[in-house]
Amino acid sequence: MPEALLWWACLIALCVLLLVPLLLVDVPPLLDYPNHLARLVVLASGVSDPHLSRFYAPRWGIIPDLGIDLIGPPLLRILPVHVAGRIVLAVVLLLPVLGSVAYSRAVLKRRSFWVLGSGLVAYGGTFLLGFLNFDASVGLALLFAAGWVRWRERYPWRTLALAVPGSVALFFCHLMGVVLFGLLIAAHDAACVWRGRSEDLLRDAASRIGALLIVAAAPGLLYLTSALHAEDGPTSFLSLFGKLRQSLLPFVNYWLPLDIAAALLVVFILVGTLLRRRCCVPLSSRIVLGVLLVAYLAAPFGYKGTSNLDSRFAVMFVLLLFAGTAPDRLPRPVARTMGCLLILVFTIRMAVLASAWSGHNADLAAFRSVIRAVPPGSTVFLAAANTTKAYRAHQPVARRLSNGETTDTHLAALLPIERGAWWPFLFDNLSQQPVMTREPYRSLALRTGGMPDAAALTRPGAVDLCGFDYLLLLHAGAEPHLAALLPERLRLLAASDMAALFRVKPDPVCSPAAAR
């Protein structure tokens, strides 16, 4: 088979294999995904749903985090909710891989089998945590940067004319996409100046800087006028050990030894080929990799109400290891061995993920059986049982990633999606999402604060249930005495290992305003 045909066959096979897990379960166990989907349902329903429109209202603005909020609602108006949701996930999943392929082709000037290794981290930590707009923006940034690299020298004005709206689109998808796009195109232009292609280097450098400033102007002005610019929040940093642990996030899946093996395999291949001078790393890639590494080490973990800020630089760094480099001129046996090892690790990772997601169907069925008793228009308080180490050890794999992050915390978002009910934790930060919670439910959510544990329910007065019709307890299988939880206020209706549903008994102490 000709090499070009083999390369295309491998790319198509990779994309198909990556999409298979999305056919195994209608609500994939991605941490933030149910919450995002609930917001899309709210945006798609508008005022047509008598219950959701009472709880929420769209509120559009200059928000640098709108990727799926723009493409999701139109799909939900023509397709079943969980079909449309998985189509959105498929787009988000493939964008970083296809963006890596396009950027690699533009930078290396040839097709590389190495870039197909980006599929190894497609189901990485940020996707499994449900950072969907971020992942989509990274893929788009790589695609747009590929266009800049290919056309900048031949069609400078046309390329600039396309890059400006491209940077605006990236801003509204996710702010980190603008950062990556800016780094990639600036590194390309810096490399061109360094190689001295123009007779007048100073003039060439000045014109390139001017073009980059024009590209950056629109997203910069948009950010300054956005609510996110004025957003306040604590800034937190990880320890050195935390940084080292967090650096594995691009490879995080469900089996820690396999995730570590995948990361070490990529490092071993790149370091080995670099030491033997058998790895092509263009100057532009070296610049961006260096900047991303420094940014990862220096960036905070939490900033302006967001978390995992630093780990996003780690994800971009790893993707660029595939997109911006390529082992080169290797002996055929060595190249085949490397390819076989990568395929083997990829296959095992996909098998582990497929098994976990298939098993998640039982959890979904159990959860849905519990919330079936919730009528539309109800308000539901959310709490979580205290899980022991023994309980966690016997949980299904899909409930927890290899780094210890739980993935079912937002499963209660099925309440508005499937039951038309309200619970207090929809993603509705007006600086990051185009949805607002109406009064009196916004005040009710603010009064609720965070999600309490089961221990708080055993202390009368510790939890204010005024205004709520039901209480949903997550991880109910870890609580041995469900009926004993605040019996004067709660009546157990249904229970499974996943959750338990209680009816909140009327309390004369609650004022009419507190009860809605």
Protein backbone atom coordinates (compact mmCIF):
# COMPACT_ATOMS: atom_id res chain seq x y z
CA MET A 1 0.00 0.00 0.00
CA PRO A 2 1.38 3.46 -0.87
CA GLU A 3 2.50 5.38 2.20
CA ALA A 4 0.05 8.24 1.63
CA LEU A 5 -2.88 5.83 1.37
CA LEU A 6 -1.71 3.98 4.50
CA TRP A 7 -1.47 7.28 6.39
CA TRP A 8 -5.02 8.27 5.47
CA ALA A 9 -6.31 4.80 6.36
CA CYS A 10 -4.64 5.07 9.79
CA LEU A 11 -6.13 8.53 10.39
CA ILE A 12 -9.64 7.40 9.48
CA ALA A 13 -9.30 4.25 11.60
CA LEU A 14 -8.09 6.35 14.54
CA CYS A 15 -11.07 8.70 14.31
CA VAL A 16 -13.53 5.82 14.07
CA LEU A 17 -12.02 4.04 17.07
CA LEU A 18 -12.11 7.23 19.12
CA LEU A 19 -15.83 7.62 18.46
CA VAL A 20 -16.81 4.05 19.41
CA PRO A 21 -17.07 4.69 23.20
CA LEU A 22 -19.66 7.40 22.54
CA LEU A 23 -21.98 4.67 21.22
CA LEU A 24 -21.77 2.64 24.42
CA VAL A 25 -23.60 4.97 26.84
CA ASP A 26 -26.03 7.83 26.35
CA VAL A 27 -24.55 9.97 29.17
CA PRO A 28 -20.77 9.44 29.11
CA PRO A 29 -19.15 9.72 32.56
CA LEU A 30 -17.37 13.04 32.02
CA LEU A 31 -17.35 15.07 35.23
CA ASP A 32 -18.75 18.41 34.01
CA TYR A 33 -20.64 17.09 30.98
CA PRO A 34 -24.11 16.58 32.57
CA ASN A 35 -23.97 20.11 33.95
CA HIS A 36 -22.98 21.53 30.57
CA LEU A 37 -25.73 19.51 28.90
CA ALA A 38 -28.31 20.82 31.37
CA ARG A 39 -27.34 24.37 30.42
CA LEU A 40 -27.68 23.51 26.72
CA VAL A 41 -31.15 22.13 27.41
CA VAL A 42 -32.10 25.38 29.15
CA LEU A 43 -30.78 27.45 26.23
CA ALA A 44 -32.51 25.23 23.66
CA SER A 45 -35.88 25.25 25.43
CA GLY A 46 -35.99 29.02 25.88
CA VAL A 47 -39.45 29.96 27.17
CA SER A 48 -41.15 26.89 25.70
CA ASP A 49 -40.57 24.72 28.77
CA PRO A 50 -42.95 25.91 31.51
CA HIS A 51 -40.76 24.58 34.31
CA LEU A 52 -37.22 25.34 33.18
CA SER A 53 -38.22 28.83 32.03
CA ARG A 54 -39.44 29.47 35.58
CA PHE A 55 -36.03 28.54 36.97
CA TYR A 56 -33.63 29.92 34.35
CA ALA A 57 -33.29 32.52 31.61
CA PRO A 58 -30.71 32.96 28.82
CA ARG A 59 -28.39 35.92 29.34
CA TRP A 60 -25.92 36.36 26.52
CA GLY A 61 -22.92 38.62 26.75
CA ILE A 62 -19.22 38.92 25.92
CA ILE A 63 -18.16 35.61 27.42
CA PRO A 64 -14.89 33.89 26.43
CA ASP A 65 -16.27 30.40 27.09
CA LEU A 66 -19.17 29.82 24.70
CA GLY A 67 -17.99 27.00 22.42
CA ILE A 68 -20.62 24.33 23.02
CA ASP A 69 -23.24 26.92 24.02
CA LEU A 70 -23.24 28.11 20.40
CA ILE A 71 -23.38 24.74 18.62
CA GLY A 72 -25.33 22.70 21.16
CA PRO A 73 -28.77 24.38 21.39
CA PRO A 74 -29.49 24.26 17.61
CA LEU A 75 -28.72 20.52 17.64
CA LEU A 76 -30.96 19.95 20.67
CA ARG A 77 -33.90 21.55 18.83
CA ILE A 78 -33.80 18.92 16.08
CA LEU A 79 -32.33 15.83 17.79
CA PRO A 80 -32.97 13.89 21.01
CA VAL A 81 -31.03 15.46 23.85
CA HIS A 82 -28.57 12.62 24.42
CA VAL A 83 -27.93 12.17 20.70
CA ALA A 84 -27.20 15.87 20.25
CA GLY A 85 -25.03 15.86 23.36
CA ARG A 86 -22.86 13.05 22.06
CA ILE A 87 -22.51 14.73 18.67
CA VAL A 88 -21.11 17.75 20.51
CA LEU A 89 -18.76 15.44 22.41
CA ALA A 90 -17.63 13.80 19.16
CA VAL A 91 -16.75 17.19 17.66
CA VAL A 92 -14.85 18.23 20.79
CA LEU A 93 -13.05 14.88 20.96
CA LEU A 94 -11.80 14.93 17.37
CA LEU A 95 -10.87 18.61 17.09
CA PRO A 96 -7.54 18.37 19.00
CA VAL A 97 -6.52 15.30 16.96
CA LEU A 98 -7.44 16.83 13.60
CA GLY A 99 -5.91 20.15 14.63
CA SER A 100 -2.68 18.36 15.54
CA VAL A 101 -2.66 16.59 12.19
CA ALA A 102 -3.19 19.83 10.26
CA TYR A 103 -0.55 21.72 12.22
CA SER A 104 1.99 18.90 11.87
CA ARG A 105 1.48 18.83 8.12
CA ALA A 106 1.95 22.60 7.89
CA VAL A 107 5.05 22.78 10.07
CA LEU A 108 6.87 19.64 8.91
CA LYS A 109 5.82 20.00 5.25
CA ARG A 110 5.01 16.28 5.12
CA ARG A 111 2.70 13.70 6.61
CA SER A 112 3.87 12.17 9.86
CA PHE A 113 2.65 8.96 11.46
CA TRP A 114 3.92 10.29 14.79
CA VAL A 115 1.16 12.92 14.98
CA LEU A 116 -1.45 10.15 15.01
CA GLY A 117 -0.16 9.44 18.51
CA SER A 118 -2.22 12.44 19.61
CA GLY A 119 -5.08 9.95 19.74
CA LEU A 120 -3.30 8.51 22.76
CA VAL A 121 -4.32 11.57 24.80
CA ALA A 122 -7.70 12.28 23.15
CA TYR A 123 -9.44 10.69 26.15
CA GLY A 124 -7.13 12.53 28.53
CA GLY A 125 -7.83 14.28 31.78
CA THR A 126 -9.35 17.50 30.45
CA PHE A 127 -11.84 15.64 28.24
CA LEU A 128 -12.79 13.19 31.00
CA LEU A 129 -13.21 16.11 33.40
CA GLY A 130 -15.55 17.70 30.87
CA PHE A 131 -13.47 20.78 29.95
CA LEU A 132 -15.17 20.76 26.58
CA ASN A 133 -14.77 24.37 25.46
CA PHE A 134 -11.09 24.27 26.31
CA ASP A 135 -10.47 21.09 24.31
CA ALA A 136 -12.43 22.45 21.35
CA SER A 137 -10.50 25.73 21.42
CA VAL A 138 -7.15 23.93 21.44
CA GLY A 139 -8.14 21.95 18.35
CA LEU A 140 -9.37 25.07 16.58
CA ALA A 141 -6.22 26.99 17.53
CA LEU A 142 -4.07 24.27 15.94
CA LEU A 143 -6.23 24.31 12.80
CA PHE A 144 -6.09 28.09 12.48
CA ALA A 145 -2.35 28.13 13.17
CA ALA A 146 -1.87 25.52 10.45
CA GLY A 147 -3.54 27.89 8.00
CA TRP A 148 -1.29 30.74 9.14
CA VAL A 149 1.88 28.64 8.67
CA ARG A 150 0.83 27.43 5.22
CA TRP A 151 -0.38 30.74 3.78
CA ARG A 152 1.36 33.52 5.73
CA GLU A 153 4.33 33.85 3.37
CA ARG A 154 2.40 33.46 0.11
CA TYR A 155 -0.78 35.39 0.93
CA PRO A 156 0.05 37.68 3.88
CA TRP A 157 -2.97 40.00 3.61
CA ARG A 158 -5.50 37.24 2.98
CA THR A 159 -4.08 35.23 5.85
CA LEU A 160 -4.30 38.22 8.16
CA ALA A 161 -7.88 38.90 7.05
CA LEU A 162 -8.82 35.33 8.01
CA ALA A 163 -6.80 35.28 11.23
CA VAL A 164 -8.63 38.25 12.76
CA PRO A 165 -12.13 36.68 12.71
CA GLY A 166 -10.46 33.39 13.62
CA SER A 167 -9.03 34.92 16.79
CA VAL A 168 -12.48 36.32 17.64
CA ALA A 169 -14.04 32.88 17.15
CA LEU A 170 -11.39 31.40 19.43
CA PHE A 171 -12.12 34.05 22.07
CA PHE A 172 -15.77 33.09 22.19
CA CYS A 173 -14.89 29.39 22.23
CA HIS A 174 -12.38 29.61 25.08
CA LEU A 175 -9.76 32.16 26.06
CA MET A 176 -6.96 29.57 26.19
CA GLY A 177 -7.47 28.90 22.48
CA VAL A 178 -6.52 32.52 21.78
CA VAL A 179 -3.39 32.08 23.91
CA LEU A 180 -2.30 28.97 22.02
CA PHE A 181 -3.09 30.47 18.61
CA GLY A 182 -1.10 33.59 19.46
CA LEU A 183 1.87 31.54 20.62
CA LEU A 184 1.87 29.36 17.51
CA ILE A 185 1.69 32.16 14.97
CA ALA A 186 4.13 34.37 16.89
CA ALA A 187 6.63 31.49 17.06
CA HIS A 188 6.26 30.88 13.33
CA ASP A 189 6.94 34.52 12.51
CA ALA A 190 9.84 34.67 14.99
CA ALA A 191 11.39 31.62 13.33
CA CYS A 192 10.98 33.22 9.90
CA VAL A 193 12.75 36.38 11.07
CA TRP A 194 15.51 34.33 12.73
CA ARG A 195 16.14 32.43 9.52
CA GLY A 196 16.47 35.80 7.77
CA ARG A 197 14.35 35.17 4.70
CA SER A 198 13.95 38.90 4.05
CA GLU A 199 16.73 41.24 2.96
CA ASP A 200 15.45 43.92 5.36
CA LEU A 201 15.15 42.00 8.64
CA LEU A 202 14.16 45.02 10.71
CA ARG A 203 11.33 45.96 8.38
CA ASP A 204 10.21 42.34 8.13
CA ALA A 205 10.16 41.98 11.92
CA ALA A 206 8.22 45.22 12.32
CA SER A 207 5.59 44.18 9.77
CA ARG A 208 5.17 40.79 11.41
CA ILE A 209 4.82 42.32 14.86
CA GLY A 210 2.22 44.71 13.46
CA ALA A 211 0.26 41.82 11.97
CA LEU A 212 0.36 39.92 15.27
CA LEU A 213 -0.87 42.99 17.13
CA ILE A 214 -3.77 43.32 14.70
CA VAL A 215 -4.72 39.68 15.30
CA ALA A 216 -4.51 40.15 19.07
CA ALA A 217 -6.40 43.47 19.14
CA ALA A 218 -9.97 42.16 18.79
CA PRO A 219 -9.79 39.40 21.44
CA GLY A 220 -7.85 41.75 23.70
CA LEU A 221 -10.53 44.42 23.52
CA LEU A 222 -13.27 41.83 23.96
CA TYR A 223 -11.59 40.52 27.09
CA LEU A 224 -11.28 44.01 28.57
CA THR A 225 -15.04 44.54 28.09
CA SER A 226 -16.03 41.08 29.36
CA ALA A 227 -17.28 40.31 32.84
CA LEU A 228 -14.43 37.82 33.23
CA HIS A 229 -11.92 40.67 33.22
CA ALA A 230 -13.50 42.08 36.37
CA GLU A 231 -14.08 38.66 37.94
CA ASP A 232 -12.53 38.26 41.36
CA GLY A 233 -11.51 35.04 43.01
CA PRO A 234 -8.75 33.42 45.01
CA THR A 235 -5.46 32.54 43.33
CA SER A 236 -3.95 29.23 44.42
CA PHE A 237 -0.75 27.42 43.51
CA LEU A 238 0.19 23.76 43.64
CA SER A 239 3.25 22.51 45.46
CA LEU A 240 6.20 21.20 43.50
CA PHE A 241 4.95 17.66 44.05
CA GLY A 242 1.47 18.76 43.01
CA LYS A 243 2.88 20.21 39.78
CA LEU A 244 4.68 16.96 39.05
CA ARG A 245 1.53 14.94 39.73
CA GLN A 246 -0.61 17.32 37.68
CA SER A 247 1.73 17.01 34.70
CA LEU A 248 0.27 13.53 34.12
CA LEU A 249 -3.22 14.98 33.50
CA PRO A 250 -2.97 14.83 29.66
CA PHE A 251 -2.57 11.04 29.97
CA VAL A 252 -5.01 10.47 32.86
CA ASN A 253 -7.57 7.76 32.18
CA TYR A 254 -8.85 4.99 34.46
CA TRP A 255 -5.78 2.86 35.19
CA LEU A 256 -2.83 4.71 36.72
CA PRO A 257 -0.04 2.24 35.80
CA LEU A 258 -1.18 2.34 32.17
CA ASP A 259 -1.36 6.15 32.20
CA ILE A 260 2.17 6.37 33.57
CA ALA A 261 3.36 3.81 31.01
CA ALA A 262 1.82 5.84 28.17
CA ALA A 263 3.51 9.04 29.36
CA LEU A 264 6.87 7.31 29.82
CA LEU A 265 6.64 5.71 26.38
CA VAL A 266 6.14 9.11 24.71
CA VAL A 267 9.00 10.64 26.73
CA PHE A 268 11.28 7.68 26.02
CA ILE A 269 10.67 7.86 22.26
CA LEU A 270 11.20 11.61 22.05
CA VAL A 271 14.25 11.73 24.32
CA GLY A 272 15.79 8.71 22.62
CA THR A 273 15.34 10.08 19.12
CA LEU A 274 16.52 13.55 20.19
CA LEU A 275 19.71 12.16 21.71
CA ARG A 276 20.39 10.27 18.50
CA ARG A 277 19.49 13.34 16.45
CA ARG A 278 16.69 11.43 14.79
CA CYS A 279 13.88 13.80 15.78
CA CYS A 280 12.73 16.78 13.75
CA VAL A 281 11.82 19.74 16.01
CA PRO A 282 11.35 22.97 14.02
CA LEU A 283 12.47 26.21 15.64
CA SER A 284 8.87 27.38 16.01
CA SER A 285 8.00 24.20 17.92
CA ARG A 286 10.98 24.67 20.21
CA ILE A 287 9.87 28.22 20.99
CA VAL A 288 6.28 27.23 21.80
CA LEU A 289 7.26 24.15 23.81
CA GLY A 290 9.61 26.27 25.89
CA VAL A 291 7.01 28.95 26.55
CA LEU A 292 4.34 26.37 27.45
CA LEU A 293 6.70 24.61 29.85
CA VAL A 294 7.54 27.86 31.64
CA ALA A 295 3.86 28.84 31.69
CA TYR A 296 2.92 25.50 33.25
CA LEU A 297 5.51 25.87 35.99
CA ALA A 298 4.60 29.50 36.72
CA ALA A 299 0.80 29.46 36.31
CA PRO A 300 -1.54 29.13 39.29
CA PHE A 301 -3.88 26.18 39.72
CA GLY A 302 -6.86 28.38 40.53
CA TYR A 303 -7.52 31.86 39.12
CA LYS A 304 -10.61 34.06 38.65
CA GLY A 305 -12.95 31.33 39.85
CA THR A 306 -11.51 28.65 37.55
CA SER A 307 -9.40 25.63 38.44
CA ASN A 308 -6.78 23.55 36.64
CA LEU A 309 -5.44 26.64 34.86
CA ASP A 310 -1.86 25.38 34.91
CA SER A 311 -2.77 21.91 33.69
CA ARG A 312 -4.19 23.39 30.49
CA PHE A 313 -0.66 24.47 29.55
CA ALA A 314 0.44 20.88 30.19
CA VAL A 315 -2.24 19.59 27.82
CA MET A 316 -1.20 22.03 25.09
CA PHE A 317 2.46 21.08 25.65
CA VAL A 318 1.77 17.36 25.19
CA LEU A 319 -0.36 17.93 22.09
CA LEU A 320 2.44 19.98 20.58
CA LEU A 321 4.86 17.14 21.28
CA PHE A 322 2.85 15.19 18.71
CA ALA A 323 1.90 18.08 16.42
CA GLY A 324 5.18 19.99 16.34
CA THR A 325 7.79 17.23 16.36
CA ALA A 326 8.45 13.97 14.53
CA PRO A 327 10.97 11.16 14.95
CA ASP A 328 12.85 11.15 11.67
CA ARG A 329 15.07 8.90 9.57
CA LEU A 330 14.65 5.93 11.90
CA PRO A 331 15.66 2.41 10.87
CA ARG A 332 12.58 0.56 9.73
CA PRO A 333 12.68 -2.07 12.55
CA VAL A 334 12.93 0.72 15.15
CA ALA A 335 10.07 2.68 13.59
CA ARG A 336 7.88 -0.44 13.46
CA THR A 337 8.67 -1.30 17.08
CA MET A 338 7.77 2.21 18.20
CA GLY A 339 4.56 2.12 16.18
CA CYS A 340 3.56 -1.26 17.58
CA LEU A 341 4.17 -0.10 21.16
CA LEU A 342 2.08 3.03 20.66
CA ILE A 343 -0.72 1.04 19.03
CA LEU A 344 -0.62 -1.51 21.87
CA VAL A 345 -0.85 1.15 24.59
CA PHE A 346 -3.60 2.99 22.68
CA THR A 347 -5.59 -0.24 22.24
CA ILE A 348 -5.36 -1.15 25.92
CA ARG A 349 -6.35 2.38 26.97
CA MET A 350 -9.36 2.31 24.68
CA ALA A 351 -10.35 -1.15 25.94
CA VAL A 352 -10.16 0.02 29.57
CA LEU A 353 -12.21 3.12 28.75
CA ALA A 354 -14.80 1.18 26.74
CA SER A 355 -15.21 -1.31 29.58
CA ALA A 356 -15.62 1.50 32.12
CA TRP A 357 -18.16 3.37 30.00
CA SER A 358 -20.14 0.25 29.25
CA GLY A 359 -20.33 -0.49 32.97
CA HIS A 360 -21.55 3.06 33.58
CA ASN A 361 -24.91 2.09 32.07
CA ALA A 362 -25.80 0.23 35.27
CA ASP A 363 -25.07 3.33 37.35
CA LEU A 364 -27.19 5.45 35.04
CA ALA A 365 -30.10 3.02 35.23
CA ALA A 366 -29.90 2.96 39.03
CA PHE A 367 -29.71 6.75 39.23
CA ARG A 368 -32.65 7.22 36.86
CA SER A 369 -34.75 4.76 38.84
CA VAL A 370 -34.23 6.90 41.93
CA ILE A 371 -35.02 10.30 40.37
CA ARG A 372 -38.06 8.94 38.52
CA ALA A 373 -40.21 9.94 41.49
CA VAL A 374 -39.29 13.64 41.10
CA PRO A 375 -42.16 15.50 39.36
CA PRO A 376 -41.47 18.37 36.95
CA GLY A 377 -41.19 21.78 38.57
CA SER A 378 -39.80 20.42 41.86
CA THR A 379 -36.82 21.78 43.75
CA VAL A 380 -34.18 19.26 44.84
CA PHE A 381 -31.52 19.71 47.51
CA LEU A 382 -28.27 17.82 46.87
CA ALA A 383 -26.03 16.12 49.42
CA ALA A 384 -23.40 13.39 49.30
CA ALA A 385 -22.73 10.43 51.56
CA ASN A 386 -19.34 10.09 53.18
CA THR A 387 -17.52 7.39 51.24
CA THR A 388 -14.99 5.14 52.95
CA LYS A 389 -11.82 3.81 51.38
CA ALA A 390 -13.36 0.33 51.28
CA TYR A 391 -16.46 1.67 49.51
CA ARG A 392 -14.39 3.55 46.95
CA ALA A 393 -12.27 0.48 46.29
CA HIS A 394 -15.35 -1.44 45.14
CA GLN A 395 -16.90 1.34 43.05
CA PRO A 396 -17.29 0.85 39.30
CA VAL A 397 -14.26 2.08 37.39
CA ALA A 398 -16.11 4.88 35.59
CA ARG A 399 -16.85 6.72 38.84
CA ARG A 400 -13.24 7.73 39.45
CA LEU A 401 -10.26 8.66 37.25
CA SER A 402 -6.81 7.31 37.89
CA ASN A 403 -5.76 10.56 39.60
CA GLY A 404 -8.56 10.20 42.17
CA GLU A 405 -11.02 12.68 40.61
CA THR A 406 -14.64 11.52 40.88
CA THR A 407 -16.70 11.80 37.71
CA ASP A 408 -20.28 11.49 38.99
CA THR A 409 -20.57 14.66 41.08
CA HIS A 410 -22.66 16.45 38.43
CA LEU A 411 -24.90 13.52 37.54
CA ALA A 412 -27.73 15.27 39.39
CA ALA A 413 -27.91 17.60 36.36
CA LEU A 414 -30.17 14.89 34.90
CA LEU A 415 -32.86 16.40 37.13
CA PRO A 416 -33.46 19.43 34.85
CA ILE A 417 -32.59 17.45 31.71
CA GLU A 418 -34.94 14.51 32.22
CA ARG A 419 -37.28 15.55 35.04
CA GLY A 420 -37.70 19.31 34.50
CA ALA A 421 -36.69 19.88 38.13
CA TRP A 422 -34.36 22.42 39.74
CA TRP A 423 -31.22 21.77 41.75
CA PRO A 424 -28.86 24.47 43.01
CA PHE A 425 -25.64 23.75 41.12
CA LEU A 426 -26.17 24.61 37.44
CA PHE A 427 -23.12 26.27 35.84
CA ASP A 428 -24.56 29.79 35.68
CA ASN A 429 -21.61 32.07 36.41
CA LEU A 430 -22.49 35.10 34.28
CA SER A 431 -18.83 35.74 33.43
CA GLN A 432 -18.49 32.23 32.02
CA GLN A 433 -21.95 30.95 31.00
CA PRO A 434 -24.89 32.56 29.14
CA VAL A 435 -27.56 31.46 31.63
CA MET A 436 -28.90 33.13 34.76
CA THR A 437 -30.97 31.59 37.54
CA ARG A 438 -34.18 33.49 38.23
CA GLU A 439 -35.31 34.61 41.63
CA PRO A 440 -36.17 33.27 44.13
CA TYR A 441 -34.12 30.26 43.01
CA ARG A 442 -30.88 32.23 42.70
CA SER A 443 -31.16 33.29 46.33
CA LEU A 444 -32.01 29.71 47.24
CA ALA A 445 -28.86 28.49 45.48
CA LEU A 446 -26.71 31.12 47.20
CA ARG A 447 -28.18 30.13 50.55
CA THR A 448 -27.40 26.48 49.85
CA GLY A 449 -23.72 27.20 49.24
CA GLY A 450 -21.75 24.02 48.74
CA MET A 451 -22.94 20.43 48.78
CA PRO A 452 -23.09 19.11 52.38
CA ASP A 453 -22.25 15.57 53.41
CA ALA A 454 -24.51 13.04 55.10
CA ALA A 455 -23.08 13.85 58.52
CA ALA A 456 -24.62 17.32 58.31
CA LEU A 457 -28.04 15.74 57.76
CA THR A 458 -27.83 13.98 61.13
CA ARG A 459 -27.54 17.30 62.95
CA PRO A 460 -30.90 19.09 63.24
CA GLY A 461 -30.60 22.64 61.99
CA ALA A 462 -27.28 22.10 60.25
CA VAL A 463 -28.94 21.99 56.81
CA ASP A 464 -31.61 24.48 55.75
CA LEU A 465 -34.15 22.60 53.63
CA CYS A 466 -36.68 25.43 53.42
CA GLY A 467 -37.75 25.92 49.81
CA PHE A 468 -36.89 22.37 48.73
CA ASP A 469 -39.34 19.61 47.86
CA TYR A 470 -36.88 16.73 47.75
CA LEU A 471 -33.38 15.81 48.86
CA LEU A 472 -31.11 13.68 46.68
CA LEU A 473 -28.21 11.93 48.40
CA LEU A 474 -25.35 10.85 46.13
CA HIS A 475 -23.33 7.68 46.83
CA ALA A 476 -26.14 6.44 49.04
CA GLY A 477 -24.64 2.96 49.17
CA ALA A 478 -21.98 4.31 51.52
CA GLU A 479 -24.61 5.39 54.08
CA PRO A 480 -25.77 2.40 56.20
CA HIS A 481 -28.68 4.15 57.91
CA LEU A 482 -30.59 6.07 55.29
CA ALA A 483 -33.90 6.09 57.16
CA ALA A 484 -32.20 7.65 60.18
CA LEU A 485 -31.09 10.76 58.31
CA LEU A 486 -33.07 13.65 59.80
CA PRO A 487 -36.30 11.61 60.10
CA GLU A 488 -38.30 14.62 61.35
CA ARG A 489 -37.74 16.36 57.95
CA LEU A 490 -37.01 13.56 55.47
CA ARG A 491 -38.97 10.55 54.25
CA LEU A 492 -37.08 7.97 52.18
CA LEU A 493 -38.72 7.29 48.79
CA ALA A 494 -36.16 5.33 46.75
CA ALA A 495 -32.58 4.21 47.09
CA SER A 496 -29.78 2.52 45.20
CA ASP A 497 -26.03 2.42 45.54
CA MET A 498 -25.83 5.51 43.33
CA ALA A 499 -28.33 7.74 45.12
CA ALA A 500 -31.27 7.98 47.49
CA LEU A 501 -34.28 10.26 47.18
CA PHE A 502 -36.09 11.75 50.17
CA ARG A 503 -39.29 13.77 50.34
CA VAL A 504 -38.82 16.90 52.41
CA LYS A 505 -41.61 17.13 54.96
CA PRO A 506 -43.30 20.53 55.38
CA ASP A 507 -41.90 22.61 58.21
CA PRO A 508 -44.03 25.36 59.73
CA VAL A 509 -40.84 27.22 60.61
CA CYS A 510 -40.14 27.87 56.89
CA SER A 511 -41.45 31.22 55.75
CA PRO A 512 -43.53 31.41 52.54
CA ALA A 513 -40.70 33.32 50.85
CA ALA A 514 -38.17 30.63 51.73
CA ALA A 515 -40.54 28.00 50.41
CA ARG A 516 -40.70 29.90 47.08
